[in-house]
Amino acid sequence: MFRVRKKPVIVQAIQVKEDFEVETLEGTMKGKAYDYLVRGIEGELYPVDRTIFLKTYEHLDGSTILLDR
């Protein structure tokens, strides 16, 4: 086995202010208020927990990615 680095990809995301559901490739998934809805590189949609999103994504256009809670 050898070491590799995952290629950085740019995706679209929006923070959702209320609980939501989205159809994903794995079926219906639920997001909580203030989680993020992400559109992947193949156009697929999936929820990302707010805490995980803030640890693993960075905003590219300089505006804030946090909503007041």
Protein backbone atom coordinates (compact mmCIF):
# COMPACT_ATOMS: atom_id res chain seq x y z
CA MET A 1 0.00 0.00 0.00
CA PHE A 2 1.23 3.54 -0.67
CA ARG A 3 0.38 6.97 0.64
CA VAL A 4 -1.73 9.37 -1.41
CA ARG A 5 -3.26 12.81 -0.95
CA LYS A 6 -6.88 13.49 -1.80
CA LYS A 7 -7.15 16.11 -4.55
CA PRO A 8 -8.72 19.37 -3.44
CA VAL A 9 -12.04 20.00 -5.16
CA ILE A 10 -14.28 23.03 -5.07
CA VAL A 11 -17.93 22.37 -4.23
CA GLN A 12 -20.94 24.57 -3.58
CA ALA A 13 -22.55 24.76 -0.15
CA ILE A 14 -25.26 26.62 1.69
CA GLN A 15 -26.08 26.70 5.37
CA VAL A 16 -29.72 25.77 5.98
CA LYS A 17 -31.54 27.53 8.83
CA GLU A 18 -34.01 24.72 9.61
CA ASP A 19 -34.12 20.92 9.68
CA PHE A 20 -34.16 19.46 6.16
CA GLU A 21 -34.15 16.25 4.15
CA VAL A 22 -32.39 15.62 0.85
CA GLU A 23 -32.35 12.71 -1.58
CA THR A 24 -28.78 11.46 -1.93
CA LEU A 25 -27.13 8.61 -3.81
CA GLU A 26 -27.53 6.59 -0.59
CA GLY A 27 -31.21 7.49 -0.06
CA THR A 28 -32.94 10.18 1.99
CA MET A 29 -30.65 11.90 4.51
CA LYS A 30 -31.60 14.41 7.18
CA GLY A 31 -29.81 17.61 8.09
CA LYS A 32 -30.31 19.63 11.26
CA ALA A 33 -30.85 23.36 11.48
CA TYR A 34 -27.58 25.19 10.64
CA ASP A 35 -26.03 22.15 8.93
CA TYR A 36 -24.80 22.61 5.37
CA LEU A 37 -26.18 21.32 2.11
CA VAL A 38 -23.31 20.55 -0.27
CA ARG A 39 -23.39 19.93 -4.02
CA GLY A 40 -20.59 17.53 -4.94
CA ILE A 41 -18.48 17.36 -8.09
CA GLU A 42 -21.02 15.14 -9.88
CA GLY A 43 -23.96 17.40 -8.92
CA GLU A 44 -25.03 15.14 -6.06
CA LEU A 45 -26.45 16.73 -2.90
CA TYR A 46 -25.65 15.73 0.67
CA PRO A 47 -25.91 17.23 4.16
CA VAL A 48 -22.80 17.95 6.21
CA ASP A 49 -22.97 18.47 9.96
CA ARG A 50 -22.12 22.09 10.88
CA THR A 51 -19.22 21.10 13.17
CA ILE A 52 -17.67 18.80 10.56
CA PHE A 53 -18.18 21.39 7.81
CA LEU A 54 -16.36 24.10 9.77
CA LYS A 55 -13.42 21.75 10.44
CA THR A 56 -13.03 20.49 6.86
CA TYR A 57 -14.12 23.26 4.48
CA GLU A 58 -12.87 26.79 3.89
CA HIS A 59 -14.73 29.66 2.26
CA LEU A 60 -13.17 30.94 -0.98
CA ASP A 61 -14.83 34.31 -1.69
CA GLY A 62 -14.05 36.04 1.60
CA SER A 63 -17.59 36.20 2.97
CA THR A 64 -18.55 34.47 6.20
CA ILE A 65 -19.73 30.86 6.26
CA LEU A 66 -21.40 31.15 9.65
CA LEU A 67 -24.95 32.17 10.35
CA ASP A 68 -25.81 33.67 13.72
CA ARG A 69 -27.39 31.07 15.88
